[in-house]
Amino acid sequence: MPRILIIDDEENFQKMLRANFVARGYDVASASEGEEGLRLTQLNHPDLIMLDLKLPDISGWDVLDRLKENPELKDIPVIVMTASASKPRESMIQGQIVSFMTKPFGAGELMQQVIAALGE
């Protein structure tokens, strides 16, 4: 069963993602802050990380940079989520993220990206 880690500070959004993933048989963990997400990633080595860019402690880009600097974690696929209309950084071009999703997005679009990222 694939493990997904959600790093997002919006509790209702976390609940919605969790419900979608659990209904499809995924094992799901979540964190509301970047540092907590990094700690959970090191402990659990998820198969996929759903990462919000706006976090209360450190930015999602900083989380991504720290993940990709760690040889044990750098290959975990990351889907970046944001409510802003900003464009993805060079990170996506460099292959550090597998998808860049602008909130709000539908469950169908979400699952399409997750399935592609997990190679299912």
C-alpha atoms as a PDB file:
ATOM      1  CA  MET A   1       0.000   0.000   0.000  1.00  0.00           C
ATOM      2  CA  PRO A   2       1.611   3.306  -1.072  1.00  0.00           C
ATOM      3  CA  ARG A   3       2.299   5.858   1.657  1.00  0.00           C
ATOM      4  CA  ILE A   4       1.475   9.506   1.018  1.00  0.00           C
ATOM      5  CA  LEU A   5       2.589  12.413   3.199  1.00  0.00           C
ATOM      6  CA  ILE A   6       0.565  15.624   3.040  1.00  0.00           C
ATOM      7  CA  ILE A   7       2.397  18.777   4.155  1.00  0.00           C
ATOM      8  CA  ASP A   8      -0.205  21.555   4.281  1.00  0.00           C
ATOM      9  CA  ASP A   9      -1.244  23.950   7.038  1.00  0.00           C
ATOM     10  CA  GLU A  10      -4.931  24.084   6.044  1.00  0.00           C
ATOM     11  CA  GLU A  11      -6.677  21.495   8.220  1.00  0.00           C
ATOM     12  CA  ASN A  12      -9.806  21.205   6.057  1.00  0.00           C
ATOM     13  CA  PHE A  13      -7.717  20.764   2.923  1.00  0.00           C
ATOM     14  CA  GLN A  14      -5.667  18.061   4.667  1.00  0.00           C
ATOM     15  CA  LYS A  15      -8.888  16.269   5.636  1.00  0.00           C
ATOM     16  CA  MET A  16     -10.189  16.394   2.061  1.00  0.00           C
ATOM     17  CA  LEU A  17      -6.936  14.993   0.653  1.00  0.00           C
ATOM     18  CA  ARG A  18      -6.763  12.329   3.355  1.00  0.00           C
ATOM     19  CA  ALA A  19     -10.351  11.201   2.680  1.00  0.00           C
ATOM     20  CA  ASN A  20      -9.641  10.884  -1.055  1.00  0.00           C
ATOM     21  CA  PHE A  21      -6.456   8.914  -0.505  1.00  0.00           C
ATOM     22  CA  VAL A  22      -7.772   6.618   2.239  1.00  0.00           C
ATOM     23  CA  ALA A  23     -10.848   5.808   0.124  1.00  0.00           C
ATOM     24  CA  ARG A  24      -8.445   4.550  -2.560  1.00  0.00           C
ATOM     25  CA  GLY A  25      -6.447   2.416  -0.140  1.00  0.00           C
ATOM     26  CA  TYR A  26      -3.429   4.639   0.477  1.00  0.00           C
ATOM     27  CA  ASP A  27      -1.681   4.945   3.843  1.00  0.00           C
ATOM     28  CA  VAL A  28      -1.708   8.666   4.697  1.00  0.00           C
ATOM     29  CA  ALA A  29       0.193  10.854   7.151  1.00  0.00           C
ATOM     30  CA  SER A  30       0.044  14.623   7.407  1.00  0.00           C
ATOM     31  CA  ALA A  31       1.961  17.569   8.796  1.00  0.00           C
ATOM     32  CA  SER A  32       0.909  21.189   9.244  1.00  0.00           C
ATOM     33  CA  GLU A  33       4.425  22.640   9.183  1.00  0.00           C
ATOM     34  CA  GLY A  34       7.494  22.143   7.039  1.00  0.00           C
ATOM     35  CA  GLU A  35       9.814  21.016   9.842  1.00  0.00           C
ATOM     36  CA  GLU A  36       7.247  18.445  10.986  1.00  0.00           C
ATOM     37  CA  GLY A  37       6.895  17.244   7.391  1.00  0.00           C
ATOM     38  CA  LEU A  38      10.658  16.819   7.056  1.00  0.00           C
ATOM     39  CA  ARG A  39      10.755  14.842  10.310  1.00  0.00           C
ATOM     40  CA  LEU A  40       7.902  12.565   9.187  1.00  0.00           C
ATOM     41  CA  THR A  41       9.594  12.061   5.828  1.00  0.00           C
ATOM     42  CA  GLN A  42      12.780  10.882   7.531  1.00  0.00           C
ATOM     43  CA  LEU A  43      10.837   8.555   9.827  1.00  0.00           C
ATOM     44  CA  ASN A  44       8.390   7.070   7.309  1.00  0.00           C
ATOM     45  CA  HIS A  45       9.979   7.440   3.843  1.00  0.00           C
ATOM     46  CA  PRO A  46       6.658   8.017   2.048  1.00  0.00           C
ATOM     47  CA  ASP A  47       6.162   6.992  -1.577  1.00  0.00           C
ATOM     48  CA  LEU A  48       4.808  10.463  -2.441  1.00  0.00           C
ATOM     49  CA  ILE A  49       4.752  13.903  -0.813  1.00  0.00           C
ATOM     50  CA  MET A  50       1.972  16.442  -1.407  1.00  0.00           C
ATOM     51  CA  LEU A  51       3.634  19.764  -0.512  1.00  0.00           C
ATOM     52  CA  ASP A  52       1.997  23.157  -0.033  1.00  0.00           C
ATOM     53  CA  LEU A  53       4.225  26.161  -0.723  1.00  0.00           C
ATOM     54  CA  LYS A  54       2.819  28.413   2.033  1.00  0.00           C
ATOM     55  CA  LEU A  55       3.642  26.950   5.413  1.00  0.00           C
ATOM     56  CA  PRO A  56       3.756  28.749   8.761  1.00  0.00           C
ATOM     57  CA  ASP A  57       7.369  27.951   9.669  1.00  0.00           C
ATOM     58  CA  ILE A  58       9.423  27.542   6.470  1.00  0.00           C
ATOM     59  CA  SER A  59       8.439  27.782   2.826  1.00  0.00           C
ATOM     60  CA  GLY A  60       7.527  24.742   0.780  1.00  0.00           C
ATOM     61  CA  TRP A  61      10.460  25.591  -1.510  1.00  0.00           C
ATOM     62  CA  ASP A  62      12.795  25.321   1.504  1.00  0.00           C
ATOM     63  CA  VAL A  63      11.240  21.960   2.390  1.00  0.00           C
ATOM     64  CA  LEU A  64      11.778  20.804  -1.177  1.00  0.00           C
ATOM     65  CA  ASP A  65      15.404  21.982  -1.205  1.00  0.00           C
ATOM     66  CA  ARG A  66      16.133  20.132   2.034  1.00  0.00           C
ATOM     67  CA  LEU A  67      14.462  16.952   0.778  1.00  0.00           C
ATOM     68  CA  LYS A  68      16.449  16.999  -2.440  1.00  0.00           C
ATOM     69  CA  GLU A  69      19.742  17.633  -0.581  1.00  0.00           C
ATOM     70  CA  ASN A  70      19.255  14.442   1.464  1.00  0.00           C
ATOM     71  CA  PRO A  71      20.520  11.371  -0.442  1.00  0.00           C
ATOM     72  CA  GLU A  72      18.018   9.117   1.386  1.00  0.00           C
ATOM     73  CA  LEU A  73      15.000  11.301   0.516  1.00  0.00           C
ATOM     74  CA  LYS A  74      15.870  12.961  -2.793  1.00  0.00           C
ATOM     75  CA  ASP A  75      14.122  10.369  -4.967  1.00  0.00           C
ATOM     76  CA  ILE A  76      10.706  10.661  -3.283  1.00  0.00           C
ATOM     77  CA  PRO A  77       8.315  12.216  -5.824  1.00  0.00           C
ATOM     78  CA  VAL A  78       6.820  15.553  -4.767  1.00  0.00           C
ATOM     79  CA  ILE A  79       3.638  17.191  -6.016  1.00  0.00           C
ATOM     80  CA  VAL A  80       3.651  20.902  -5.171  1.00  0.00           C
ATOM     81  CA  MET A  81       0.327  22.559  -4.348  1.00  0.00           C
ATOM     82  CA  THR A  82      -0.296  26.287  -4.121  1.00  0.00           C
ATOM     83  CA  ALA A  83      -3.195  28.700  -3.938  1.00  0.00           C
ATOM     84  CA  SER A  84      -1.247  31.376  -5.764  1.00  0.00           C
ATOM     85  CA  ALA A  85      -1.013  31.608  -9.512  1.00  0.00           C
ATOM     86  CA  SER A  86       2.774  31.667  -9.374  1.00  0.00           C
ATOM     87  CA  LYS A  87       4.694  29.588 -11.840  1.00  0.00           C
ATOM     88  CA  PRO A  88       6.879  26.685 -10.744  1.00  0.00           C
ATOM     89  CA  ARG A  89      10.503  27.474 -10.137  1.00  0.00           C
ATOM     90  CA  GLU A  90      13.434  25.914 -11.882  1.00  0.00           C
ATOM     91  CA  SER A  91      12.802  22.943  -9.544  1.00  0.00           C
ATOM     92  CA  MET A  92      10.216  21.460 -11.870  1.00  0.00           C
ATOM     93  CA  ILE A  93      12.461  21.788 -14.883  1.00  0.00           C
ATOM     94  CA  GLN A  94      15.245  20.096 -12.933  1.00  0.00           C
ATOM     95  CA  GLY A  95      12.946  17.200 -12.127  1.00  0.00           C
ATOM     96  CA  GLN A  96      12.655  17.911  -8.413  1.00  0.00           C
ATOM     97  CA  ILE A  97       8.869  17.967  -8.537  1.00  0.00           C
ATOM     98  CA  VAL A  98       6.599  15.784 -10.626  1.00  0.00           C
ATOM     99  CA  SER A  99       3.631  18.132 -10.765  1.00  0.00           C
ATOM    100  CA  PHE A 100       2.594  21.672  -9.868  1.00  0.00           C
ATOM    101  CA  MET A 101      -1.083  22.004  -8.942  1.00  0.00           C
ATOM    102  CA  THR A 102      -2.933  25.261  -8.338  1.00  0.00           C
ATOM    103  CA  LYS A 103      -5.636  25.162  -5.650  1.00  0.00           C
ATOM    104  CA  PRO A 104      -8.499  24.555  -5.899  1.00  0.00           C
ATOM    105  CA  PHE A 105      -8.364  21.434  -8.000  1.00  0.00           C
ATOM    106  CA  GLY A 106     -10.772  18.575  -8.470  1.00  0.00           C
ATOM    107  CA  ALA A 107     -10.477  15.058  -7.094  1.00  0.00           C
ATOM    108  CA  GLY A 108     -10.158  13.632 -10.607  1.00  0.00           C
ATOM    109  CA  GLU A 109      -7.225  15.866 -11.497  1.00  0.00           C
ATOM    110  CA  LEU A 110      -5.624  15.123  -8.124  1.00  0.00           C
ATOM    111  CA  MET A 111      -5.873  11.365  -8.508  1.00  0.00           C
ATOM    112  CA  GLN A 112      -4.577  11.511 -12.081  1.00  0.00           C
ATOM    113  CA  GLN A 113      -1.427  13.298 -10.838  1.00  0.00           C
ATOM    114  CA  VAL A 114      -1.004  10.947  -7.856  1.00  0.00           C
ATOM    115  CA  ILE A 115      -1.359   7.803  -9.977  1.00  0.00           C
ATOM    116  CA  ALA A 116       1.160   9.154 -12.487  1.00  0.00           C
ATOM    117  CA  ALA A 117       3.618  10.107  -9.714  1.00  0.00           C
ATOM    118  CA  LEU A 118       3.367   6.665  -8.102  1.00  0.00           C
ATOM    119  CA  GLY A 119       3.709   4.910 -11.444  1.00  0.00           C
ATOM    120  CA  GLU A 120       0.465   2.966 -10.995  1.00  0.00           C
END
